[in-house]
Amino acid sequence: MNILSRYILRECFLYFLLSLCAFSGILLTVQMLRFSELIINRGVQASQIALVFASITPTFLELAIPMSALLGVLLAISRLSGDSEIIILRASGISIRYLTKPILIFASTIFVLALVVSTICKPWGNLTLNATLFEIARSRRTAGIESGIFNRLGEMTLYAEEISYAD
């Protein structure tokens, strides 16, 4: 791989990482606000909340990776065009086909990453999330659950006729 291809890849990757951090941060902040009630009112341990956030992260990445890749390529090409680098490269005899090779390599890499997140990480996250929320609901730390009413715990709604805290 020559210098020009590495340069274009580096530009795409840099903007990809910046936008991935921004999209993930926004999506995680929204979820933090939803789960803050678990920490404040229910007295759930920080380790269990961290496991909940780790298990919902693949769901965000499934959306954030393609959006970040698109934005990364658009910003990189826009910057190269804005600085007239594409015009200089075209004037020096480099074809558009040659300039698209690093972008196709980048897109292929992002496709494989998104495929791994969708097929491996997301199912793991869903199983872990369900198990963790069930453990939170089952544990003694959920003293805020009241009997005889519907109690909302994350995505789960619980109804308990009677609560027994026997070990």
Protein backbone atom coordinates (compact mmCIF):
# COMPACT_ATOMS: atom_id res chain seq x y z
CA MET A 1 0.00 0.00 0.00
CA ASN A 2 1.48 3.32 -1.00
CA ILE A 3 1.60 6.65 0.82
CA LEU A 4 -1.46 8.13 -0.87
CA SER A 5 -3.67 5.16 0.03
CA ARG A 6 -2.50 5.24 3.64
CA TYR A 7 -3.17 8.98 3.76
CA ILE A 8 -6.75 8.60 2.54
CA LEU A 9 -7.34 5.64 4.88
CA ARG A 10 -5.97 7.61 7.83
CA GLU A 11 -8.28 10.53 7.05
CA CYS A 12 -11.34 8.27 6.80
CA PHE A 13 -10.41 6.37 9.95
CA LEU A 14 -9.82 9.53 11.98
CA TYR A 15 -13.22 10.99 11.13
CA PHE A 16 -14.80 7.56 11.64
CA LEU A 17 -13.43 7.33 15.19
CA LEU A 18 -14.50 10.86 16.06
CA SER A 19 -18.04 10.35 14.83
CA LEU A 20 -18.25 6.88 16.43
CA CYS A 21 -17.33 8.37 19.80
CA ALA A 22 -19.87 11.15 19.32
CA PHE A 23 -22.73 8.85 18.27
CA SER A 24 -21.97 6.29 21.00
CA GLY A 25 -21.69 9.02 23.61
CA ILE A 26 -25.07 10.46 22.67
CA LEU A 27 -26.78 7.07 22.66
CA LEU A 28 -25.19 5.98 25.95
CA THR A 29 -26.10 9.25 27.65
CA VAL A 30 -29.76 8.72 26.81
CA GLN A 31 -29.61 5.22 28.28
CA MET A 32 -27.76 6.45 31.38
CA LEU A 33 -30.66 8.74 32.10
CA ARG A 34 -33.07 5.81 31.78
CA PHE A 35 -31.07 3.59 34.12
CA SER A 36 -30.25 6.32 36.65
CA GLU A 37 -33.42 5.41 38.52
CA LEU A 38 -31.97 1.94 39.14
CA ILE A 39 -28.92 3.43 40.79
CA ILE A 40 -30.67 6.11 42.82
CA ASN A 41 -33.93 4.50 43.94
CA ARG A 42 -33.20 0.79 43.86
CA GLY A 43 -29.65 0.76 45.27
CA VAL A 44 -28.25 -1.41 42.47
CA GLN A 45 -24.49 -1.98 42.59
CA ALA A 46 -22.26 -0.07 40.19
CA SER A 47 -20.82 -3.35 38.83
CA GLN A 48 -24.27 -4.51 37.76
CA ILE A 49 -25.00 -1.16 36.09
CA ALA A 50 -21.63 -1.36 34.31
CA LEU A 51 -22.57 -4.83 33.05
CA VAL A 52 -25.93 -3.48 31.84
CA PHE A 53 -24.15 -0.71 29.91
CA ALA A 54 -21.63 -3.18 28.47
CA SER A 55 -24.45 -5.40 27.29
CA ILE A 56 -26.43 -2.60 25.60
CA THR A 57 -23.37 -1.14 23.87
CA PRO A 58 -23.48 -3.62 20.91
CA THR A 59 -27.01 -2.45 20.13
CA PHE A 60 -25.70 1.11 19.81
CA LEU A 61 -22.68 0.04 17.83
CA GLU A 62 -24.91 -1.74 15.35
CA LEU A 63 -26.37 1.67 14.47
CA ALA A 64 -23.36 3.88 15.16
CA ILE A 65 -20.76 2.00 13.07
CA PRO A 66 -22.47 2.42 9.66
CA MET A 67 -23.44 6.02 10.40
CA SER A 68 -19.90 6.82 11.54
CA ALA A 69 -18.39 5.14 8.48
CA LEU A 70 -20.58 7.18 6.15
CA LEU A 71 -19.84 10.39 8.00
CA GLY A 72 -16.12 9.56 8.16
CA VAL A 73 -15.82 9.04 4.41
CA LEU A 74 -17.92 12.12 3.64
CA LEU A 75 -15.86 14.34 5.95
CA ALA A 76 -12.55 12.96 4.69
CA ILE A 77 -13.45 13.46 1.03
CA SER A 78 -14.93 16.86 1.83
CA ARG A 79 -11.74 17.95 3.56
CA LEU A 80 -9.57 16.65 0.72
CA SER A 81 -11.77 18.50 -1.75
CA GLY A 82 -11.92 21.66 0.35
CA ASP A 83 -8.13 21.81 0.54
CA SER A 84 -7.98 21.22 -3.25
CA GLU A 85 -5.97 18.03 -2.74
CA ILE A 86 -8.24 16.02 -5.05
CA ILE A 87 -7.78 18.61 -7.82
CA ILE A 88 -4.00 18.42 -7.42
CA LEU A 89 -4.07 14.61 -7.47
CA ARG A 90 -6.27 14.57 -10.57
CA ALA A 91 -4.00 17.13 -12.27
CA SER A 92 -0.98 14.95 -11.55
CA GLY A 93 -2.59 12.06 -13.42
CA ILE A 94 -4.09 9.97 -10.63
CA SER A 95 -7.44 8.49 -11.64
CA ILE A 96 -10.64 8.52 -9.61
CA ARG A 97 -10.58 4.71 -9.67
CA TYR A 98 -7.21 4.78 -7.92
CA LEU A 99 -8.52 7.21 -5.30
CA THR A 100 -11.51 5.00 -4.50
CA LYS A 101 -9.42 1.90 -3.70
CA PRO A 102 -8.59 2.99 -0.12
CA ILE A 103 -12.22 3.95 0.45
CA LEU A 104 -13.33 0.49 -0.71
CA ILE A 105 -10.78 -1.09 1.64
CA PHE A 106 -12.10 1.06 4.48
CA ALA A 107 -15.71 0.20 3.63
CA SER A 108 -14.89 -3.53 3.52
CA THR A 109 -13.22 -3.36 6.92
CA ILE A 110 -16.18 -1.51 8.41
CA PHE A 111 -18.55 -4.08 6.86
CA VAL A 112 -16.68 -6.93 8.57
CA LEU A 113 -16.69 -5.01 11.87
CA ALA A 114 -20.43 -4.33 11.62
CA LEU A 115 -21.05 -7.97 10.73
CA VAL A 116 -19.16 -9.16 13.82
CA VAL A 117 -21.04 -6.72 16.04
CA SER A 118 -24.41 -7.80 14.60
CA THR A 119 -23.86 -11.55 14.64
CA ILE A 120 -21.69 -12.07 17.72
CA CYS A 121 -21.72 -9.08 20.06
CA LYS A 122 -25.40 -8.14 19.90
CA PRO A 123 -26.76 -11.63 20.77
CA TRP A 124 -24.26 -11.82 23.65
CA GLY A 125 -25.40 -8.38 24.82
CA ASN A 126 -29.07 -9.34 24.72
CA LEU A 127 -28.49 -12.53 26.73
CA THR A 128 -26.31 -10.72 29.25
CA LEU A 129 -28.79 -7.86 29.59
CA ASN A 130 -31.69 -10.22 30.25
CA ALA A 131 -29.68 -12.23 32.79
CA THR A 132 -28.43 -9.10 34.56
CA LEU A 133 -31.85 -7.46 34.76
CA PHE A 134 -33.32 -10.70 36.08
CA GLU A 135 -30.55 -10.90 38.70
CA ILE A 136 -31.19 -7.28 39.70
CA ALA A 137 -34.91 -8.00 40.00
CA ARG A 138 -34.26 -11.16 42.02
CA SER A 139 -31.73 -9.73 44.44
CA ARG A 140 -32.33 -8.14 47.79
CA ARG A 141 -31.04 -4.78 46.54
CA THR A 142 -34.37 -4.04 44.90
CA ALA A 143 -36.08 -3.10 48.15
CA GLY A 144 -37.85 -0.34 46.22
CA ILE A 145 -40.15 -2.91 44.58
CA GLU A 146 -43.59 -2.71 46.09
CA SER A 147 -46.03 -5.58 46.30
CA GLY A 148 -49.38 -5.38 44.58
CA ILE A 149 -48.39 -2.89 41.85
CA PHE A 150 -46.52 -3.03 38.56
CA ASN A 151 -42.85 -2.08 39.07
CA ARG A 152 -40.75 -0.94 36.13
CA LEU A 153 -37.12 -2.16 36.16
CA GLY A 154 -35.29 -1.10 33.00
CA GLU A 155 -37.03 -2.79 30.08
CA MET A 156 -38.70 -5.25 32.43
CA THR A 157 -42.02 -4.73 34.22
CA LEU A 158 -42.53 -6.80 37.35
CA TYR A 159 -45.67 -7.56 39.28
CA ALA A 160 -45.25 -9.03 42.75
CA GLU A 161 -48.19 -10.06 44.87
CA GLU A 162 -45.95 -10.70 47.83
CA ILE A 163 -42.24 -10.04 48.42
CA SER A 164 -40.20 -12.43 50.52
CA TYR A 165 -36.54 -11.61 51.17
CA ALA A 166 -35.63 -15.04 52.54
CA ASP A 167 -32.12 -16.21 51.61
